[in-house]
Amino acid sequence: MLVPSWLESLLSTTFFSICSTHRDSLRSECNMYCLDCRNVGAFCFYCRSSRHKDHQVIQIRRSSYHDVVRVNEIQKVLDIIGVQTYVINSARVLFLNERPQPKTAVKGSSHICEVCGRSLLDPFRFCSLGCKLVGLKQNGDASFIFSAKNGEGNEEGRTREGTAIRLPSKEGDQFGSEATMQHQQQEQDMYQSTSPPPPPQYSRSRRRKGIPHRAPLGS
């Protein structure tokens, strides 16, 4: 099976607990994961500096209590083709695992996850790395390992195929379709907020008064 040995462990790891060794430190959240060590689990910033200094380490982040990883980190070690990406705080990310379905799902969405049925913004196959792993086990028609066909060693090729490119000029940082705007309203924490339009400006020029006319004098 074309799956890295560390992937299933990554997807089953619990993140954002407090490090028992550095409990009183400022950055004690366990949001790091080492790809070179086995059965280590999540660890904090200080553990990375002391125990995993020269290892391949990725940082896990959160959006609405769900674990995400930045595309520019994970695409270096994993083939993410087919997985929907999102933009959070100006960074493109993808979810580690399947999320609960929203109560007000977009009706008539033409793109859905092949595993969990979640509505997607773009024509991708999976909503998360976890769903891609399930789809790979079921169908065997996907891979997490880079091959020559998928552009092995070509960072630009991986980026273009592995991320959601919507507009050729801006690489998907703007959303134009109606379905996308509905998703954006439902999951507004996923996208950059847009500043409100400036207030209308009114002209302060005064209207010129007309020439005064005197009443005719009485005879």
Protein backbone atom coordinates (compact mmCIF):
# COMPACT_ATOMS: atom_id res chain seq x y z
CA MET A 1 0.00 0.00 0.00
CA LEU A 2 1.35 3.42 -0.96
CA VAL A 3 1.11 4.97 2.52
CA PRO A 4 4.00 6.34 4.65
CA SER A 5 4.57 4.40 7.84
CA TRP A 6 3.90 7.48 10.00
CA LEU A 7 0.61 8.62 8.46
CA GLU A 8 -1.89 6.53 10.40
CA SER A 9 -0.11 7.36 13.65
CA LEU A 10 -0.29 11.07 12.79
CA LEU A 11 -4.03 10.90 12.08
CA SER A 12 -4.75 9.10 15.38
CA THR A 13 -2.59 11.39 17.55
CA THR A 14 -4.25 13.77 20.01
CA PHE A 15 -2.81 17.26 19.83
CA PHE A 16 -2.97 20.43 21.96
CA SER A 17 -2.61 18.84 25.36
CA ILE A 18 -0.17 20.45 27.83
CA CYS A 19 3.37 19.08 27.87
CA SER A 20 4.09 17.39 31.21
CA THR A 21 7.79 18.34 31.03
CA HIS A 22 7.30 22.02 30.18
CA ARG A 23 3.95 22.60 31.86
CA ASP A 24 4.87 26.03 33.24
CA SER A 25 6.40 27.34 30.01
CA LEU A 26 4.69 29.74 27.66
CA ARG A 27 4.59 27.47 24.57
CA SER A 28 3.73 24.19 26.27
CA GLU A 29 0.99 23.03 23.89
CA CYS A 30 1.76 19.72 22.19
CA ASN A 31 1.23 20.67 18.56
CA MET A 32 4.35 19.16 16.94
CA TYR A 33 4.80 15.77 15.31
CA CYS A 34 8.05 14.08 14.28
CA LEU A 35 8.09 12.06 11.06
CA ASP A 36 11.41 10.39 11.90
CA CYS A 37 10.58 9.02 15.35
CA ARG A 38 8.15 6.17 16.04
CA ASN A 39 5.50 6.15 18.78
CA VAL A 40 6.52 9.52 20.17
CA GLY A 41 3.17 11.26 19.81
CA ALA A 42 2.67 15.01 20.02
CA PHE A 43 5.21 17.25 21.73
CA CYS A 44 5.74 20.95 22.40
CA PHE A 45 8.06 23.61 21.02
CA TYR A 46 10.69 23.05 23.73
CA CYS A 47 10.73 19.27 23.23
CA ARG A 48 11.41 19.87 19.56
CA SER A 49 14.43 22.04 20.34
CA SER A 50 15.93 19.48 22.72
CA ARG A 51 14.95 16.09 21.23
CA HIS A 52 14.03 16.57 17.56
CA LYS A 53 16.35 19.36 16.48
CA ASP A 54 17.51 17.75 13.22
CA HIS A 55 14.37 15.71 12.49
CA GLN A 56 11.50 16.23 10.07
CA VAL A 57 8.84 17.90 12.19
CA ILE A 58 5.47 19.33 11.18
CA GLN A 59 3.31 21.69 13.19
CA ILE A 60 -0.40 21.06 13.66
CA ARG A 61 -2.79 23.98 13.91
CA ARG A 62 -6.49 24.29 14.70
CA SER A 63 -9.58 25.69 13.06
CA SER A 64 -12.91 25.43 14.90
CA TYR A 65 -11.47 22.73 17.18
CA HIS A 66 -10.31 20.59 14.24
CA ASP A 67 -6.70 19.78 13.46
CA VAL A 68 -5.19 21.20 10.26
CA VAL A 69 -1.73 21.31 8.70
CA ARG A 70 -0.30 23.87 6.32
CA VAL A 71 -0.02 22.77 2.73
CA ASN A 72 3.50 24.14 2.34
CA GLU A 73 4.65 21.79 5.15
CA ILE A 74 2.83 18.56 4.35
CA GLN A 75 3.23 18.63 0.58
CA LYS A 76 6.98 18.22 0.98
CA VAL A 77 6.54 14.73 2.45
CA LEU A 78 3.10 13.60 1.27
CA ASP A 79 1.17 13.45 -1.98
CA ILE A 80 -1.96 15.48 -1.19
CA ILE A 81 -3.50 15.37 -4.67
CA GLY A 82 -7.27 14.95 -4.42
CA VAL A 83 -7.65 16.58 -0.98
CA GLN A 84 -9.64 19.82 -0.62
CA THR A 85 -7.67 22.77 0.79
CA TYR A 86 -8.85 25.91 2.55
CA VAL A 87 -7.43 29.32 3.46
CA ILE A 88 -7.04 30.25 7.13
CA ASN A 89 -5.26 33.45 8.19
CA SER A 90 -3.74 33.84 4.72
CA ALA A 91 -2.28 30.31 4.82
CA ARG A 92 -3.52 27.36 2.76
CA VAL A 93 -4.27 24.32 4.92
CA LEU A 94 -5.99 20.95 4.81
CA PHE A 95 -7.76 18.95 7.51
CA LEU A 96 -6.25 15.84 9.04
CA ASN A 97 -9.50 13.97 9.61
CA GLU A 98 -13.17 13.91 8.69
CA ARG A 99 -15.33 16.56 10.38
CA PRO A 100 -18.98 16.39 11.47
CA GLN A 101 -21.38 17.46 8.75
CA PRO A 102 -22.79 21.01 9.13
CA LYS A 103 -26.47 21.27 10.00
CA THR A 104 -27.12 23.61 7.08
CA ALA A 105 -25.27 21.89 4.26
CA VAL A 106 -25.19 23.48 0.83
CA LYS A 107 -27.92 21.90 -1.26
CA GLY A 108 -27.19 20.78 -4.76
CA SER A 109 -23.42 20.87 -4.34
CA SER A 110 -21.75 19.24 -7.33
CA HIS A 111 -18.60 18.30 -5.41
CA ILE A 112 -18.69 15.92 -2.44
CA CYS A 113 -16.17 13.80 -0.56
CA GLU A 114 -16.15 10.24 -1.86
CA VAL A 115 -15.89 8.81 1.65
CA CYS A 116 -18.01 10.92 4.04
CA GLY A 117 -20.19 12.84 1.54
CA ARG A 118 -19.20 16.27 2.80
CA SER A 119 -19.74 19.14 0.34
CA LEU A 120 -16.53 20.46 -1.17
CA LEU A 121 -15.70 23.83 -2.69
CA ASP A 122 -13.85 22.47 -5.70
CA PRO A 123 -13.68 19.27 -7.78
CA PHE A 124 -11.57 17.29 -5.30
CA ARG A 125 -12.16 13.71 -4.16
CA PHE A 126 -11.65 13.96 -0.40
CA CYS A 127 -12.24 16.45 2.40
CA SER A 128 -9.25 15.39 4.52
CA LEU A 129 -6.17 13.19 4.70
CA GLY A 130 -8.14 10.69 6.77
CA CYS A 131 -10.81 10.32 4.09
CA LYS A 132 -8.16 9.89 1.41
CA LEU A 133 -6.61 7.10 3.47
CA VAL A 134 -10.00 5.36 3.77
CA GLY A 135 -10.59 5.78 0.03
CA LEU A 136 -7.18 4.33 -0.71
CA LYS A 137 -7.89 1.27 1.42
CA GLN A 138 -11.27 0.76 -0.21
CA ASN A 139 -10.42 1.38 -3.85
CA GLY A 140 -6.66 1.42 -4.14
CA ASP A 141 -6.79 4.14 -6.81
CA ALA A 142 -4.98 6.86 -4.83
CA SER A 143 -1.55 7.27 -3.31
CA PHE A 144 0.30 9.24 -0.66
CA ILE A 145 3.72 8.45 -2.12
CA PHE A 146 5.19 10.65 -4.83
CA SER A 147 5.84 9.01 -8.18
CA ALA A 148 7.49 10.22 -11.37
CA LYS A 149 4.04 10.63 -12.91
CA ASN A 150 2.95 12.97 -10.13
CA GLY A 151 6.02 15.15 -10.51
CA GLU A 152 8.51 13.66 -8.06
CA GLY A 153 11.09 16.25 -7.16
CA ASN A 154 9.08 19.01 -8.80
CA GLU A 155 7.92 21.30 -6.00
CA GLU A 156 6.01 23.59 -8.34
CA GLY A 157 4.17 20.68 -9.93
CA ARG A 158 3.13 19.32 -6.54
CA THR A 159 1.86 22.71 -5.43
CA ARG A 160 -0.27 23.30 -8.49
CA GLU A 161 -1.83 19.84 -8.40
CA GLY A 162 -2.15 19.57 -4.65
CA THR A 163 -3.81 22.88 -3.88
CA ALA A 164 -7.13 24.37 -4.82
CA ILE A 165 -6.38 26.60 -7.82
CA ARG A 166 -9.57 28.47 -8.70
CA LEU A 167 -8.45 31.52 -10.65
CA PRO A 168 -5.37 31.28 -12.88
CA SER A 169 -4.21 34.80 -12.05
CA LYS A 170 -4.55 34.64 -8.26
CA GLU A 171 -4.31 30.89 -7.65
CA GLY A 172 -7.63 30.61 -5.90
CA ASP A 173 -7.33 33.32 -3.29
CA GLN A 174 -10.67 34.75 -4.44
CA PHE A 175 -13.92 32.86 -4.81
CA GLY A 176 -16.26 33.56 -7.68
CA SER A 177 -18.87 30.80 -7.84
CA GLU A 178 -22.20 30.97 -6.06
CA ALA A 179 -21.63 27.61 -4.35
CA THR A 180 -18.32 28.86 -3.01
CA MET A 181 -19.92 31.98 -1.57
CA GLN A 182 -22.48 29.80 0.23
CA HIS A 183 -19.69 27.72 1.72
CA GLN A 184 -17.87 30.87 2.68
CA GLN A 185 -20.93 32.08 4.60
CA GLN A 186 -21.27 28.74 6.44
CA GLU A 187 -17.60 28.36 7.29
CA GLN A 188 -16.58 31.99 7.52
CA ASP A 189 -13.78 31.17 9.98
CA MET A 190 -12.00 29.44 7.09
CA TYR A 191 -11.39 32.53 4.99
CA GLN A 192 -9.87 35.92 5.28
CA SER A 193 -12.35 38.58 6.27
CA THR A 194 -12.90 41.39 3.82
CA SER A 195 -12.98 44.99 5.02
CA PRO A 196 -16.36 46.77 4.79
CA PRO A 197 -16.87 49.21 1.91
CA PRO A 198 -15.95 52.81 2.67
CA PRO A 199 -18.85 55.12 3.62
CA PRO A 200 -20.26 57.21 0.76
CA GLN A 201 -18.78 60.65 0.44
CA TYR A 202 -21.11 63.54 -0.02
CA SER A 203 -20.19 66.77 -1.74
CA ARG A 204 -19.77 69.68 0.64
CA SER A 205 -19.97 72.36 -2.05
CA ARG A 206 -22.64 74.94 -1.31
CA ARG A 207 -25.28 75.79 -3.84
CA ARG A 208 -24.88 79.29 -5.20
CA LYS A 209 -27.70 81.58 -4.28
CA GLY A 210 -29.69 83.30 -6.99
CA ILE A 211 -29.76 87.04 -7.63
CA PRO A 212 -32.04 88.72 -5.06
CA HIS A 213 -35.05 90.61 -6.44
CA ARG A 214 -36.58 93.59 -4.64
CA ALA A 215 -40.27 94.08 -4.35
CA PRO A 216 -41.61 96.94 -6.55
CA LEU A 217 -41.99 100.27 -4.77
CA GLY A 218 -45.47 101.53 -4.17
CA SER A 219 -46.63 104.59 -6.14
